[in-house]
Amino acid sequence: MKRYLVEYNRDFIVNSDYDVIIVGAGIAGLYTALNISKNLKVCVLIKKDIFDSDSYLAQGGIAASIGDDDRQLHIEDTLNAGCYINDKEAVNTLVYESEEGIDSLVKLGVNFDKDSKGNFYRSLEGNHSIPRILHVNGDATGKGIMDVLIKRASEAPNIELITNVFVIDVVTDDKKVCTGVTGYYKGKFFYFKSKCCVIASGGIGQIFSKTTNMGVLTGDGIAMAIRAGAELENMQYVQFHPTALYSDNNEERMFLISEAVRGEGAVLRRKNRERFMMDYDSRMELAPRDIVARAIKSEMERYNLKYVYLDVTMHDEEFLKNRFKTIYSKCNKLGIAIDKNYIPVTPAQHYFMGGIKVDLYGRTSLKNLYAVGECSCTGVHGANRLASNSLMEAVVFGRRVAVDISNICQNYKYDGLDSFCSKNDNKVGNLKYKAKSQNFKLSMLKKNIKNIMEKDVGIIRTVNKLEVALEALEKLMNNMESIESINEDYIEIYNMCQVSTSVILAAINSKSSIGSNYVKEYCKAFV
């Protein structure tokens, strides 16, 4: 395995202007930046546009335990959804600090929906025992929070947001201490040196052909951590959302039909209009996501279907227009009046429970390297994430990362050897960096990875399929060595291969079938 995809050379520009580098600008990255001590200079590096994050797409809401009565229930619901392999201390942290997280967002300017009495409107979602999901503007929670965070971060004098930076690698010194990251920006290679780095790069959805994730989410941050030698955890646990809007088009990102729709009473039906979830789980449509997704996948395979139906016609047009503005508008544009017609849905990759192993303050196994959000693994989610816990995880642990970094940087003294530069300071840059359009072979490799993962590492797995996928990816990786040029596509594909291989190896080595890692040979029952 290559340590650095691009070795240091004389063409690099070294930038030492910042105390903290954050890779990624979703809720996790921006909230962390806003909570870091104001006397520290923070730079947020963004792969494309600041709006290209899954945080911006989040529909359902943010789960919060407001008041003592709900805390134990929220803990139990989270553990139950995660098949009780969650890190209990992390779950307790999430739940007990969630009210503080909501208060902080409100102070920043987030306007959560309220009922006629002025209280937070709380909705119900799968595997939640009581309504505890807060949302913004119906089904636009992510956008509502992100708009506020972007505004605040843009106004903060100690924070700089830089878009269109392709971050390549985490840099470590001779003592395995993180000293910064490398990146490609405006046609030049940069080494951004800093006291601390935070990976907040989001998920891995684009390694699958069917995903609700943004096109930029190719697992870059996790792959960088792998090459740097950081520990990973729970890489086998990939969440497939039960209800993505079915489309005949081969779209880069599928449109999500929020779990909140089922929370408001929507039911799943076969093409003959019969309900089927009672055949799989007593909680029916409100069972955990892994169970509902497997049920739909089983129905599709049993009856050779491309999709099943989601029926929300028990509600009138006015309710649906207000409660699910985004979904209503999208379906309406496609000619689906959801107050009268069923919505065609199919499972799609949605979230990743595994990632870079961190402690309760987001610290990785490498000194001065942190991770937060979907790319990290706090252990909160266990084998399957409880609906709407992800945004709160970003907030709660983002604050904790910020607190620890603020303390570390105040007394920071670097005493290592920056071997990244010193070993290669006279090396001449000779990379052939080509435009994306100039290499057709790379685009085909990317498509192959996505097809392999979708076919053999999906909702229902077998040991044989996992082994076939691993062999195919190893061959694909070898083929990449014959490509002389290097560009953003090449780096993305390399990252996708590394992350995909890690997911498969974790699934094979687990020798178990738990939650979202459903392996036929190891399962005792459907659930």
Foldseek 3Di string as FASTA:
>chain_A
DDLFPDFDAQQADEAAPFAEEEEAQALLRLLLVVQFDLVGAYEYEAQADNCQFVLQQFFFAAFADDDPVCQVLQLVLLCVLQVNQFDSVLQSLLHVCLVVLVVVLVVLPQDWDDDPVRHFDFFDFFSRPDTGGIAHQFGRRSNSSSVSSVVVQVPRPRYHYDHNKAWGAFAAFPVLATFATWTADPNGIYTYGHNFYEYAHFACQLLAQEEQHGLVRNQRSQLRCVSSPWDKPPLQFFFWAFFFFDDPDSDSHTHGDDSSLVRVPKFWAAPVRHGDQVVQDPSRSRHARLSNQLSQVVSCVVVVHPFTWIASLVDDQVVCCRNPVPVCVVCVVVVARRNPHTTTTHIGTYAGQMAGEAELQQDIPGHSYGYFARRYHHSSNNNGGDPNPRSSRSSSNSSSVSVVSNVQSVPDDDDGGSCSCVVHVHPHDDAAEDDPVVDPPLVVLSVVSNHLCNVASAQEHELVSLVVSLVVLVVSVVVLVPDRHDYSSSSSSVSNSVSSNVNSVCLNVVLAAGNSSHYPVHDPDSD
